[in-house]
């Protein structure tokens, strides 16, 4: 059994509103997909999300469950 989980990287297509909190659940506004926020690189605008359920779709808004921050991926 592996102790490591592979994250998925998404590049923001537009600005964010607020700041995500590490380990909070992110939910896709149109797909309903969920994942766990792990990191954000401010130099590349890439966010790392551990997969949860479903698949995020390009152009949708993701929202943080505890921070209420949003971003378009």
N, C-alpha and C. Protein backbone atom coordinates (compact mmCIF):
# COMPACT_ATOMS: atom_id res chain seq x y z
N UNK A 1 0.83 -1.17 0.00
CA UNK A 1 0.00 0.00 0.00
C UNK A 1 0.89 1.25 0.00
N UNK A 2 0.59 2.18 -0.85
CA UNK A 2 1.36 3.41 -0.96
C UNK A 2 0.92 4.42 0.10
N UNK A 3 1.89 5.13 0.65
CA UNK A 3 1.58 6.19 1.60
C UNK A 3 1.43 7.54 0.93
N UNK A 4 1.68 7.58 -0.37
CA UNK A 4 1.64 8.83 -1.11
C UNK A 4 0.42 8.88 -2.00
N UNK A 5 -0.18 10.04 -2.09
CA UNK A 5 -1.33 10.26 -2.96
C UNK A 5 -0.91 11.22 -4.06
N UNK A 6 -1.23 10.89 -5.27
CA UNK A 6 -0.90 11.75 -6.39
C UNK A 6 -1.87 12.91 -6.46
N UNK A 7 -1.33 14.12 -6.61
CA UNK A 7 -2.21 15.28 -6.76
C UNK A 7 -2.37 15.61 -8.23
N UNK A 8 -3.39 16.36 -8.52
CA UNK A 8 -3.65 16.83 -9.86
C UNK A 8 -3.41 18.33 -9.88
N UNK A 9 -2.76 18.82 -10.91
CA UNK A 9 -2.48 20.26 -11.00
C UNK A 9 -3.42 20.92 -11.99
N UNK A 10 -3.92 22.08 -11.62
CA UNK A 10 -4.78 22.86 -12.49
C UNK A 10 -4.22 24.27 -12.57
N UNK A 11 -4.25 24.86 -13.74
CA UNK A 11 -3.83 26.25 -13.88
C UNK A 11 -5.06 27.14 -13.84
N UNK A 12 -4.99 28.19 -13.04
CA UNK A 12 -6.10 29.13 -13.00
C UNK A 12 -6.26 29.83 -14.34
N UNK A 13 -7.47 30.00 -14.76
CA UNK A 13 -7.74 30.72 -16.00
C UNK A 13 -8.02 32.18 -15.71
N UNK A 14 -8.36 32.51 -14.48
CA UNK A 14 -8.59 33.89 -14.09
C UNK A 14 -8.25 34.04 -12.62
N UNK A 15 -8.41 35.23 -12.12
CA UNK A 15 -8.01 35.55 -10.74
C UNK A 15 -8.80 34.77 -9.70
N UNK A 16 -8.24 34.74 -8.50
CA UNK A 16 -8.92 34.11 -7.38
C UNK A 16 -9.55 35.18 -6.51
N UNK A 17 -10.48 34.78 -5.70
CA UNK A 17 -11.10 35.66 -4.72
C UNK A 17 -10.91 34.99 -3.37
N UNK A 18 -10.04 35.52 -2.53
CA UNK A 18 -9.72 34.91 -1.25
C UNK A 18 -8.57 33.94 -1.37
N UNK A 19 -8.28 33.24 -0.28
CA UNK A 19 -7.18 32.27 -0.25
C UNK A 19 -7.68 30.93 0.26
N UNK A 20 -7.35 29.88 -0.46
CA UNK A 20 -7.71 28.54 -0.02
C UNK A 20 -6.89 28.16 1.20
N UNK A 21 -7.43 27.28 2.01
CA UNK A 21 -6.77 26.77 3.21
C UNK A 21 -6.30 25.34 2.93
N UNK A 22 -5.05 25.05 3.30
CA UNK A 22 -4.50 23.70 3.09
C UNK A 22 -5.42 22.67 3.75
N UNK A 23 -5.69 21.61 3.01
CA UNK A 23 -6.51 20.46 3.42
C UNK A 23 -8.02 20.73 3.42
N UNK A 24 -8.45 21.89 2.90
CA UNK A 24 -9.90 22.09 2.81
C UNK A 24 -10.43 21.43 1.55
N UNK A 25 -11.71 21.12 1.55
CA UNK A 25 -12.37 20.52 0.40
C UNK A 25 -12.74 21.59 -0.60
N UNK A 26 -12.38 21.37 -1.87
CA UNK A 26 -12.77 22.25 -2.96
C UNK A 26 -13.89 21.57 -3.73
N UNK A 27 -14.86 22.35 -4.17
CA UNK A 27 -15.99 21.80 -4.92
C UNK A 27 -16.16 22.57 -6.22
N UNK A 28 -16.33 21.82 -7.32
CA UNK A 28 -16.56 22.42 -8.62
C UNK A 28 -18.00 22.89 -8.75
N UNK A 29 -18.17 24.14 -9.18
CA UNK A 29 -19.50 24.73 -9.27
C UNK A 29 -20.42 24.08 -10.29
N UNK A 30 -19.88 23.62 -11.41
CA UNK A 30 -20.74 23.01 -12.43
C UNK A 30 -20.66 21.48 -12.42
N UNK A 31 -19.49 20.92 -12.10
CA UNK A 31 -19.34 19.47 -12.14
C UNK A 31 -19.73 18.80 -10.83
N UNK A 32 -19.64 19.55 -9.72
CA UNK A 32 -19.88 18.96 -8.41
C UNK A 32 -18.70 18.13 -7.92
N UNK A 33 -17.62 18.09 -8.69
CA UNK A 33 -16.43 17.34 -8.29
C UNK A 33 -15.84 17.92 -7.02
N UNK A 34 -15.18 17.08 -6.24
CA UNK A 34 -14.53 17.54 -5.02
C UNK A 34 -13.08 17.08 -5.00
N UNK A 35 -12.28 17.80 -4.25
CA UNK A 35 -10.87 17.44 -4.05
C UNK A 35 -10.35 18.19 -2.85
N UNK A 36 -9.16 17.85 -2.41
CA UNK A 36 -8.55 18.48 -1.24
C UNK A 36 -7.42 19.39 -1.67
N UNK A 37 -7.51 20.67 -1.32
CA UNK A 37 -6.48 21.64 -1.67
C UNK A 37 -5.20 21.33 -0.92
N UNK A 38 -4.06 21.33 -1.65
CA UNK A 38 -2.77 21.06 -1.04
C UNK A 38 -1.78 22.21 -1.17
N UNK A 39 -1.71 22.86 -2.32
CA UNK A 39 -0.72 23.92 -2.50
C UNK A 39 -1.09 24.80 -3.67
N UNK A 40 -0.53 26.02 -3.65
CA UNK A 40 -0.70 26.95 -4.76
C UNK A 40 0.64 27.63 -5.02
N UNK A 41 1.08 27.62 -6.27
CA UNK A 41 2.33 28.26 -6.65
C UNK A 41 1.99 29.62 -7.27
N UNK A 42 2.35 30.69 -6.57
CA UNK A 42 2.00 32.03 -7.04
C UNK A 42 2.80 32.45 -8.27
N UNK A 43 3.93 31.79 -8.52
CA UNK A 43 4.74 32.13 -9.70
C UNK A 43 4.14 31.56 -10.98
N UNK A 44 3.50 30.40 -10.88
CA UNK A 44 2.97 29.73 -12.06
C UNK A 44 1.44 29.71 -12.12
N UNK A 45 0.79 30.17 -11.04
CA UNK A 45 -0.68 30.11 -10.93
C UNK A 45 -1.22 28.68 -11.02
N UNK A 46 -0.47 27.72 -10.50
CA UNK A 46 -0.91 26.33 -10.52
C UNK A 46 -1.30 25.91 -9.11
N UNK A 47 -2.47 25.30 -9.00
CA UNK A 47 -2.97 24.79 -7.73
C UNK A 47 -2.89 23.26 -7.77
N UNK A 48 -2.47 22.66 -6.66
CA UNK A 48 -2.42 21.20 -6.53
C UNK A 48 -3.58 20.73 -5.67
N UNK A 49 -4.33 19.79 -6.22
CA UNK A 49 -5.53 19.27 -5.56
C UNK A 49 -5.45 17.75 -5.55
N UNK A 50 -5.61 17.15 -4.37
CA UNK A 50 -5.73 15.69 -4.30
C UNK A 50 -7.13 15.33 -4.75
N UNK A 51 -7.22 14.36 -5.65
CA UNK A 51 -8.54 13.99 -6.18
C UNK A 51 -9.48 13.49 -5.09
N UNK A 52 -10.74 13.79 -5.27
CA UNK A 52 -11.79 13.30 -4.38
C UNK A 52 -12.78 12.52 -5.21
N UNK A 53 -13.90 13.14 -5.53
CA UNK A 53 -14.91 12.50 -6.36
C UNK A 53 -15.13 13.31 -7.62
N UNK A 54 -15.43 12.64 -8.71
CA UNK A 54 -15.74 13.31 -9.97
C UNK A 54 -14.52 13.94 -10.61
N UNK A 55 -14.77 14.72 -11.66
CA UNK A 55 -13.71 15.37 -12.43
C UNK A 55 -14.05 16.84 -12.61
N UNK A 56 -13.11 17.70 -12.23
CA UNK A 56 -13.30 19.13 -12.46
C UNK A 56 -13.27 19.40 -13.95
N UNK A 57 -14.04 20.39 -14.40
CA UNK A 57 -14.08 20.73 -15.81
C UNK A 57 -13.43 22.09 -16.04
N UNK A 58 -12.78 22.22 -17.18
CA UNK A 58 -12.11 23.49 -17.52
C UNK A 58 -13.13 24.61 -17.57
N UNK A 59 -12.77 25.74 -16.98
CA UNK A 59 -13.63 26.91 -17.00
C UNK A 59 -14.61 27.01 -15.86
N UNK A 60 -14.66 25.99 -15.00
CA UNK A 60 -15.61 26.08 -13.89
C UNK A 60 -14.99 26.77 -12.68
N UNK A 61 -15.84 27.27 -11.81
CA UNK A 61 -15.40 27.91 -10.57
C UNK A 61 -15.31 26.85 -9.48
N UNK A 62 -14.16 26.84 -8.79
CA UNK A 62 -14.02 25.96 -7.63
C UNK A 62 -14.13 26.83 -6.38
N UNK A 63 -14.74 26.27 -5.34
CA UNK A 63 -14.97 27.01 -4.10
C UNK A 63 -14.45 26.21 -2.92
N UNK A 64 -13.75 26.90 -2.01
CA UNK A 64 -13.25 26.27 -0.80
C UNK A 64 -14.34 26.12 0.23
N UNK A 65 -14.44 24.92 0.80
CA UNK A 65 -15.50 24.62 1.75
C UNK A 65 -15.41 25.39 3.06
N UNK A 66 -14.20 25.68 3.54
CA UNK A 66 -14.08 26.40 4.79
C UNK A 66 -13.69 27.87 4.60
N UNK A 67 -12.97 28.17 3.54
CA UNK A 67 -12.52 29.55 3.30
C UNK A 67 -13.50 30.36 2.45
N UNK A 68 -14.32 29.67 1.67
CA UNK A 68 -15.22 30.28 0.68
C UNK A 68 -14.47 31.00 -0.44
N UNK A 69 -13.14 30.78 -0.52
CA UNK A 69 -12.35 31.34 -1.63
C UNK A 69 -12.81 30.69 -2.93
N UNK A 70 -12.65 31.40 -4.04
CA UNK A 70 -13.02 30.86 -5.35
C UNK A 70 -11.92 31.10 -6.36
N UNK A 71 -11.91 30.27 -7.39
CA UNK A 71 -11.00 30.45 -8.53
C UNK A 71 -11.62 29.73 -9.72
N UNK A 72 -11.25 30.17 -10.91
CA UNK A 72 -11.70 29.50 -12.13
C UNK A 72 -10.53 28.68 -12.66
N UNK A 73 -10.80 27.38 -12.91
CA UNK A 73 -9.73 26.50 -13.40
C UNK A 73 -9.87 26.23 -14.88
